[in-house]
Every structure is written in structure tokens, then in C-alpha cells.
C-alpha atoms as a PDB file:
ATOM      1  CA  VAL A   1    -192.070  90.485-140.585  1.00  0.00           C
ATOM      2  CA  TYR A   2    -191.061  90.585-136.915  1.00  0.00           C
ATOM      3  CA  VAL A   3    -193.293  89.266-134.100  1.00  0.00           C
ATOM      4  CA  SER A   4    -192.838  89.838-130.386  1.00  0.00           C
ATOM      5  CA  GLU A   5    -195.266  88.869-127.643  1.00  0.00           C
ATOM      6  CA  GLN A   6    -193.554  91.243-125.204  1.00  0.00           C
ATOM      7  CA  ILE A   7    -193.091  94.486-127.154  1.00  0.00           C
ATOM      8  CA  GLY A   8    -195.209  93.914-130.233  1.00  0.00           C
ATOM      9  CA  ASN A   9    -198.297  95.852-131.288  1.00  0.00           C
ATOM     10  CA  ASP A  10    -200.556  94.735-134.178  1.00  0.00           C
ATOM     11  CA  GLU A  11    -200.800  98.380-135.253  1.00  0.00           C
ATOM     12  CA  ASN A  12    -197.051  98.295-136.169  1.00  0.00           C
ATOM     13  CA  ASP A  13    -195.950  97.320-139.687  1.00  0.00           C
ATOM     14  CA  GLY A  14    -193.619  94.611-138.304  1.00  0.00           C
ATOM     15  CA  ARG A  15    -190.843  95.511-140.758  1.00  0.00           C
ATOM     16  CA  SER A  16    -188.175  96.012-138.056  1.00  0.00           C
ATOM     17  CA  ALA A  17    -187.227  94.310-134.791  1.00  0.00           C
ATOM     18  CA  ALA A  18    -187.851  97.660-133.063  1.00  0.00           C
ATOM     19  CA  ALA A  19    -191.506  97.816-134.276  1.00  0.00           C
ATOM     20  CA  PRO A  20    -192.773  94.198-134.305  1.00  0.00           C
ATOM     21  CA  VAL A  21    -196.377  93.039-134.460  1.00  0.00           C
ATOM     22  CA  ARG A  22    -197.818  91.134-131.507  1.00  0.00           C
ATOM     23  CA  SER A  23    -199.573  88.207-133.191  1.00  0.00           C
ATOM     24  CA  ILE A  24    -198.420  85.596-135.658  1.00  0.00           C
ATOM     25  CA  LYS A  25    -201.733  85.880-137.438  1.00  0.00           C
ATOM     26  CA  ARG A  26    -201.170  89.617-138.095  1.00  0.00           C
ATOM     27  CA  ALA A  27    -197.644  88.922-139.297  1.00  0.00           C
ATOM     28  CA  CYS A  28    -198.955  86.385-141.820  1.00  0.00           C
ATOM     29  CA  GLN A  29    -201.546  88.916-143.013  1.00  0.00           C
ATOM     30  CA  ILE A  30    -198.794  91.477-143.623  1.00  0.00           C
ATOM     31  CA  ALA A  31    -196.621  88.860-145.395  1.00  0.00           C
ATOM     32  CA  SER A  32    -199.523  87.962-147.677  1.00  0.00           C
ATOM     33  CA  GLU A  33    -199.708  91.559-148.927  1.00  0.00           C
ATOM     34  CA  SER A  34    -196.373  91.098-150.747  1.00  0.00           C
ATOM     35  CA  VAL A  35    -197.582  89.065-153.721  1.00  0.00           C
ATOM     36  CA  GLY A  36    -194.764  87.200-155.493  1.00  0.00           C
ATOM     37  CA  VAL A  37    -192.203  88.171-152.831  1.00  0.00           C
ATOM     38  CA  LYS A  38    -190.626  85.672-150.491  1.00  0.00           C
ATOM     39  CA  GLU A  39    -191.280  86.739-146.892  1.00  0.00           C
ATOM     40  CA  SER A  40    -190.069  85.536-143.491  1.00  0.00           C
ATOM     41  CA  VAL A  41    -192.016  85.744-140.262  1.00  0.00           C
ATOM     42  CA  ILE A  42    -189.498  85.963-137.448  1.00  0.00           C
ATOM     43  CA  ILE A  43    -191.014  85.085-134.060  1.00  0.00           C
ATOM     44  CA  ALA A  44    -189.286  86.208-130.827  1.00  0.00           C
ATOM     45  CA  GLY A  45    -189.425  83.963-127.780  1.00  0.00           C
ATOM     46  CA  GLY A  46    -192.713  84.099-125.888  1.00  0.00           C
ATOM     47  CA  ASN A  47    -196.013  82.428-125.171  1.00  0.00           C
ATOM     48  CA  TYR A  48    -198.450  83.090-128.053  1.00  0.00           C
ATOM     49  CA  ILE A  49    -202.170  82.427-127.862  1.00  0.00           C
ATOM     50  CA  GLU A  50    -203.475  82.710-131.422  1.00  0.00           C
ATOM     51  CA  ASP A  51    -206.913  82.802-132.988  1.00  0.00           C
ATOM     52  CA  ASN A  52    -207.379  80.067-135.576  1.00  0.00           C
ATOM     53  CA  PRO A  53    -207.080  79.660-138.423  1.00  0.00           C
ATOM     54  CA  ILE A  54    -203.759  81.210-139.374  1.00  0.00           C
ATOM     55  CA  SER A  55    -203.111  81.211-143.111  1.00  0.00           C
ATOM     56  CA  ILE A  56    -199.459  81.097-144.005  1.00  0.00           C
ATOM     57  CA  PRO A  57    -198.963  82.636-147.479  1.00  0.00           C
ATOM     58  CA  PRO A  58    -197.082  80.855-150.254  1.00  0.00           C
ATOM     59  CA  ASP A  59    -193.331  81.509-150.277  1.00  0.00           C
ATOM     60  CA  CYS A  60    -193.374  82.463-146.562  1.00  0.00           C
ATOM     61  CA  SER A  61    -190.997  81.027-143.997  1.00  0.00           C
ATOM     62  CA  ILE A  62    -191.759  80.889-140.289  1.00  0.00           C
ATOM     63  CA  ILE A  63    -188.625  81.277-138.150  1.00  0.00           C
ATOM     64  CA  GLY A  64    -188.712  80.858-134.391  1.00  0.00           C
ATOM     65  CA  ASP A  65    -186.171  82.666-132.206  1.00  0.00           C
ATOM     66  CA  ASN A  66    -185.543  79.468-130.275  1.00  0.00           C
ATOM     67  CA  LEU A  67    -187.251  76.049-130.406  1.00  0.00           C
ATOM     68  CA  ARG A  68    -187.836  76.003-126.650  1.00  0.00           C
ATOM     69  CA  LEU A  69    -188.706  79.661-126.186  1.00  0.00           C
ATOM     70  CA  VAL A  70    -191.477  80.016-128.784  1.00  0.00           C
ATOM     71  CA  ILE A  71    -194.733  78.459-127.574  1.00  0.00           C
ATOM     72  CA  ILE A  72    -197.865  78.715-129.679  1.00  0.00           C
ATOM     73  CA  ARG A  73    -201.277  77.686-128.346  1.00  0.00           C
ATOM     74  CA  PRO A  74    -204.730  77.989-129.895  1.00  0.00           C
ATOM     75  CA  GLY A  75    -207.147  80.614-128.492  1.00  0.00           C
ATOM     76  CA  CYS A  76    -210.387  79.430-126.893  1.00  0.00           C
END
């Protein structure tokens, strides 16, 4: 499931880099719909402000585009 702070939209299905979701939380929700399937959440560089909590489903990998370009902060 692809995530992009710049071009993402949480109405997208996130299944391609051309149609990513905007939030990591939404990507994890989509990944959790695939029961028994290993999923990856691929996060493009950006500054993400996320609502907590974020539940990462079992068998899901979180992959950042770049260690220094992906910044995740909690929402207020």
C-alpha cells in the first residue's frame, strides 16, 4: 500500500504509486483488510502528522522511502 504526503488522497486504494493514500493510518487500515496476506506499507518522503493510535496489522511491513526524508509526528 503506497503512501504519499504530497500526492496522496485517502479516497484512493493505495495499490499503486500513481494513486497513493495520504495517511499512514489509512494505509494500515487497507493492509488489515487482506487477512492472511503479507502486506507492505511503502511511505514516500514527507512530513506526516498522524492521528493516534495507528494499528499495524500482523504480517505487515512498514518501509520508508528514505530514513531522513520520512518524518512522522503525532497529531494534537
